Protein backbone atom coordinates (compact mmCIF):
# COMPACT_ATOMS: atom_id res chain seq x y z
CA MET A 1 129.64 171.33 184.80
CA ILE A 2 130.65 168.57 182.02
CA GLN A 3 134.21 167.84 181.91
CA THR A 4 134.17 164.64 179.93
CA VAL A 5 132.43 163.72 176.44
CA LEU A 6 132.24 160.43 175.27
CA PHE A 7 131.33 159.87 171.84
CA ASP A 8 129.99 156.61 169.07
CA LEU A 9 132.25 157.02 166.19
CA ASP A 10 129.90 155.75 163.21
CA GLY A 11 127.16 158.20 162.36
CA THR A 12 127.93 160.26 165.15
CA ILE A 13 131.34 162.36 164.21
CA LEU A 14 132.57 160.18 161.25
CA ASP A 15 130.40 159.72 158.12
CA THR A 16 130.50 156.00 157.45
CA ASN A 17 127.19 155.57 156.27
CA GLU A 18 127.48 154.72 152.59
CA LEU A 19 130.78 152.72 153.41
CA ILE A 20 128.91 150.25 155.93
CA ILE A 21 125.81 150.11 153.51
CA GLN A 22 127.93 149.59 150.54
CA SER A 23 129.74 146.70 152.29
CA PHE A 24 126.90 144.92 153.44
CA LEU A 25 125.62 145.24 150.47
CA HIS A 26 128.48 143.69 148.55
CA THR A 27 128.97 140.99 151.26
CA PHE A 28 125.33 139.77 150.80
CA GLU A 29 125.16 139.87 147.18
CA GLY A 30 123.92 136.19 146.03
CA VAL A 31 124.10 135.10 149.45
CA THR A 32 120.51 135.25 151.10
CA ALA A 33 117.56 134.06 149.25
CA GLU A 34 115.97 137.45 149.12
CA PRO A 35 118.38 140.27 148.75
CA LEU A 36 119.71 142.46 151.47
CA THR A 37 118.54 146.02 151.25
CA ARG A 38 119.29 149.61 152.90
CA SER A 39 115.89 149.23 155.02
CA HIS A 40 117.48 146.24 156.16
CA ILE A 41 120.89 147.49 157.07
CA ILE A 42 120.33 150.90 158.70
CA PRO A 43 118.21 150.00 161.85
CA ASN A 44 120.97 147.34 162.89
CA MET A 45 123.61 149.69 162.29
CA GLY A 46 125.54 150.28 165.72
CA ARG A 47 125.66 146.61 166.37
CA PRO A 48 129.05 144.69 166.60
CA LEU A 49 129.99 143.30 163.02
CA VAL A 50 129.44 139.84 163.94
CA GLU A 51 126.20 140.05 165.56
CA GLN A 52 124.44 141.52 162.23
CA MET A 53 126.55 138.86 160.13
CA VAL A 54 124.70 135.97 161.96
CA PHE A 55 121.10 138.17 162.10
CA PHE A 56 121.53 138.77 158.17
CA SER A 57 122.82 135.67 157.20
CA GLY A 58 120.80 132.97 159.85
CA ARG A 59 124.41 131.30 159.96
CA GLU A 60 126.40 130.79 163.29
CA GLU A 61 129.59 130.31 161.09
CA VAL A 62 129.81 133.73 159.67
CA GLU A 63 133.68 133.84 159.45
CA ASP A 64 133.79 134.14 155.67
CA LEU A 65 130.87 137.20 155.43
CA VAL A 66 133.25 138.91 158.02
CA ALA A 67 136.69 138.53 156.05
CA LYS A 68 134.53 139.78 152.91
CA TYR A 69 132.92 142.92 154.82
CA ARG A 70 136.45 143.81 156.11
CA HIS A 71 138.01 143.34 152.94
CA PHE A 72 135.85 145.53 151.04
CA ASN A 73 135.41 148.19 153.61
CA LEU A 74 139.33 148.53 153.95
CA THR A 75 139.59 148.91 150.11
CA ARG A 76 137.03 151.44 149.97
CA HIS A 77 137.33 153.16 153.19
CA ASP A 78 139.30 156.25 152.40
CA GLU A 79 136.94 157.10 149.47
CA LEU A 80 133.53 157.11 151.40
CA VAL A 81 134.44 158.37 155.01
CA THR A 82 134.42 161.84 156.25
CA GLU A 83 133.77 163.70 159.35
CA PHE A 84 130.28 165.12 159.76
CA PRO A 85 130.01 168.79 159.08
CA LYS A 86 131.84 171.24 162.10
CA VAL A 87 133.00 168.01 163.85
CA ARG A 88 136.63 168.93 163.78
CA GLU A 89 136.37 172.53 164.81
CA THR A 90 133.99 171.89 167.63
CA LEU A 91 136.32 169.04 168.99
CA ALA A 92 139.11 171.55 168.78
CA LYS A 93 137.01 174.08 171.10
CA LEU A 94 136.30 171.29 173.34
CA HIS A 95 139.95 170.49 173.56
CA ALA A 96 141.10 173.65 174.37
CA ALA A 97 138.41 174.38 176.74
CA GLY A 98 140.12 171.19 178.30
CA ILE A 99 137.11 168.79 178.15
CA ARG A 100 138.36 165.23 177.82
CA MET A 101 137.02 162.98 175.34
CA GLY A 102 136.96 159.83 174.53
CA VAL A 103 135.53 157.43 171.84
CA VAL A 104 133.44 154.01 172.42
CA THR A 105 132.79 152.44 169.50
CA SER A 106 131.26 149.04 168.36
CA LYS A 107 134.16 148.68 165.64
CA ILE A 108 137.33 146.94 165.67
CA ARG A 109 140.42 148.78 166.58
CA LYS A 110 141.95 148.86 162.72
CA THR A 111 139.11 150.88 161.02
CA THR A 112 138.50 153.15 164.56
CA GLU A 113 141.78 154.53 164.14
CA MET A 114 141.70 154.75 160.30
CA GLY A 115 138.74 156.87 160.33
CA LEU A 116 140.38 159.03 163.16
CA LYS A 117 143.58 159.83 161.29
CA LEU A 118 142.33 159.99 157.86
CA THR A 119 140.04 163.11 159.25
CA GLY A 120 142.20 164.37 161.53
CA ILE A 121 140.79 164.09 165.09
CA TYR A 122 142.70 161.28 166.17
CA ASP A 123 144.92 163.21 168.87
CA TYR A 124 141.78 164.64 170.55
CA PHE A 125 140.63 161.69 172.14
CA GLY A 126 142.60 160.51 175.27
CA SER A 127 140.59 156.99 175.11
CA ILE A 128 139.20 154.88 172.38
CA VAL A 129 137.49 151.91 173.59
CA THR A 130 136.52 149.59 170.67
CA VAL A 131 134.45 146.38 170.75
CA GLU A 132 137.80 144.41 171.07
CA ASP A 133 138.64 146.07 174.31
CA VAL A 134 135.42 144.72 176.32
CA GLU A 135 133.34 141.47 176.93
CA LYS A 136 130.28 143.14 176.16
CA ALA A 137 129.08 145.80 173.66
CA LYS A 138 126.73 148.75 173.92
CA PRO A 139 124.35 149.01 175.34
CA ASP A 140 126.30 147.25 178.19
CA PRO A 141 128.03 149.98 179.86
CA GLU A 142 131.41 148.29 180.12
CA GLY A 143 132.86 150.52 177.18
CA ILE A 144 131.67 153.85 179.03
CA ARG A 145 133.26 152.25 182.19
CA LYS A 146 136.35 151.65 180.56
CA ALA A 147 136.65 154.86 178.53
CA LEU A 148 135.99 156.80 181.87
CA GLN A 149 138.83 154.61 183.95
CA GLU A 150 141.47 155.59 181.07
CA LEU A 151 140.46 159.34 181.02
CA GLY A 152 140.55 159.46 184.99
CA ALA A 153 137.03 160.76 184.83
CA ASP A 154 134.23 161.65 187.13
CA PRO A 155 131.02 159.99 185.67
CA ALA A 156 129.15 162.41 187.40
CA THR A 157 130.95 165.07 184.93
CA ALA A 158 130.26 162.96 181.74
CA LEU A 159 128.09 162.53 179.22
CA MET A 160 127.73 160.15 176.11
CA VAL A 161 127.25 161.17 172.61
CA GLY A 162 125.90 159.07 169.78
CA ASP A 163 123.16 158.30 167.07
CA SER A 164 121.67 155.17 167.91
CA HIS A 165 119.85 153.62 170.73
CA TYR A 166 122.70 151.37 171.61
CA ASP A 167 124.65 154.39 172.47
CA ILE A 168 121.84 156.03 174.66
CA GLU A 169 120.63 152.99 176.69
CA ALA A 170 124.66 152.16 177.21
CA ALA A 171 124.74 155.71 178.70
CA HIS A 172 121.51 154.96 180.83
CA ASN A 173 123.01 151.74 181.84
CA ALA A 174 126.36 153.66 183.24
CA GLY A 175 124.53 156.70 184.68
CA LEU A 176 125.30 159.46 182.09
CA PRO A 177 123.23 161.95 180.60
CA SER A 178 123.06 161.46 176.99
CA VAL A 179 123.13 163.15 173.55
CA GLY A 180 121.24 161.92 170.50
CA VAL A 181 122.41 163.21 167.37
CA ALA A 182 119.22 164.13 164.70
CA TRP A 183 121.78 163.54 161.76
CA SER A 184 121.36 159.67 162.69
CA LEU A 185 120.41 157.90 159.58
CA LYS A 186 117.82 156.52 161.64
CA GLY A 187 116.01 159.26 162.01
CA LEU A 188 114.91 162.07 164.65
CA GLU A 189 111.75 160.01 165.89
CA TYR A 190 113.57 157.18 166.27
CA LEU A 191 116.08 158.48 168.48
CA GLN A 192 113.34 160.35 170.51
CA GLY A 193 111.82 156.91 171.12
CA TYR A 194 114.57 156.25 173.55
CA SER A 195 114.53 159.43 175.63
CA PRO A 196 118.24 160.69 175.39
CA THR A 197 118.71 163.88 177.79
CA HIS A 198 119.38 166.12 175.02
CA ILE A 199 119.03 165.81 171.09
CA ILE A 200 121.24 168.31 169.09
CA HIS A 201 120.79 169.17 165.30
CA ASP A 202 124.42 170.68 165.14
CA ILE A 203 127.39 169.27 166.81
CA GLU A 204 128.00 173.13 167.84
CA GLU A 205 125.33 172.66 170.31
CA LEU A 206 127.42 170.61 172.59
CA LEU A 207 129.11 173.46 173.90
CA GLY A 208 125.57 175.25 175.08
CA ILE A 209 125.41 171.89 176.77
CA ILE A 210 128.61 171.75 178.32
CA GLY A 211 128.51 175.85 179.13
CA LEU A 212 131.28 176.97 177.41
CA GLU A 213 128.95 179.06 174.90
CA GLU A 214 125.39 179.52 173.83
CA LYS A 215 124.65 178.15 170.22
CA GLN A 216 123.80 181.45 168.45
CA VAL A 217 120.31 181.33 166.43
């Protein structure tokens, strides 16, 4: 019986996709020899920001790019961020059933908490582990293990939900079953390539996986 559910944030429970893409396009305008495009950005979403800046720029020193990105990202945050359909209702049902919940994300704490509070779901999470709280980001299992420890949870009764291979591999590395979300911007075929334990097309399907109720069809 699953008693604990850990969630990735961006692209999983919060739709920050357009904010992230617009932030990268703004940051790299005129910076690279060839324009940065959505097709470059989307496959790399889920990695820590500094890693992405180094990758896209080919530079080791990227503090200026990170600052430019974060300024734009903060300025446009509330305009472009929302939760995915049925997320709030499903989290409420999980919470009411006594399921422990946590967030494990490669974002910094400031924007993580901004998004959770903006969408009214902050209080559902007993643990929030950000990139600032670990030495190694996903797919390393450190963040998952830290969240489970903070929740006082048994890994044998936990699962990880995410939209990228970083989440699926982190779950595997931590010995947890994984749930891939089919609304991932990277696409269903991409997710299937990493063999998640489950794939859901609607977040309410989590209730059936956990055993709270069967998904109505």
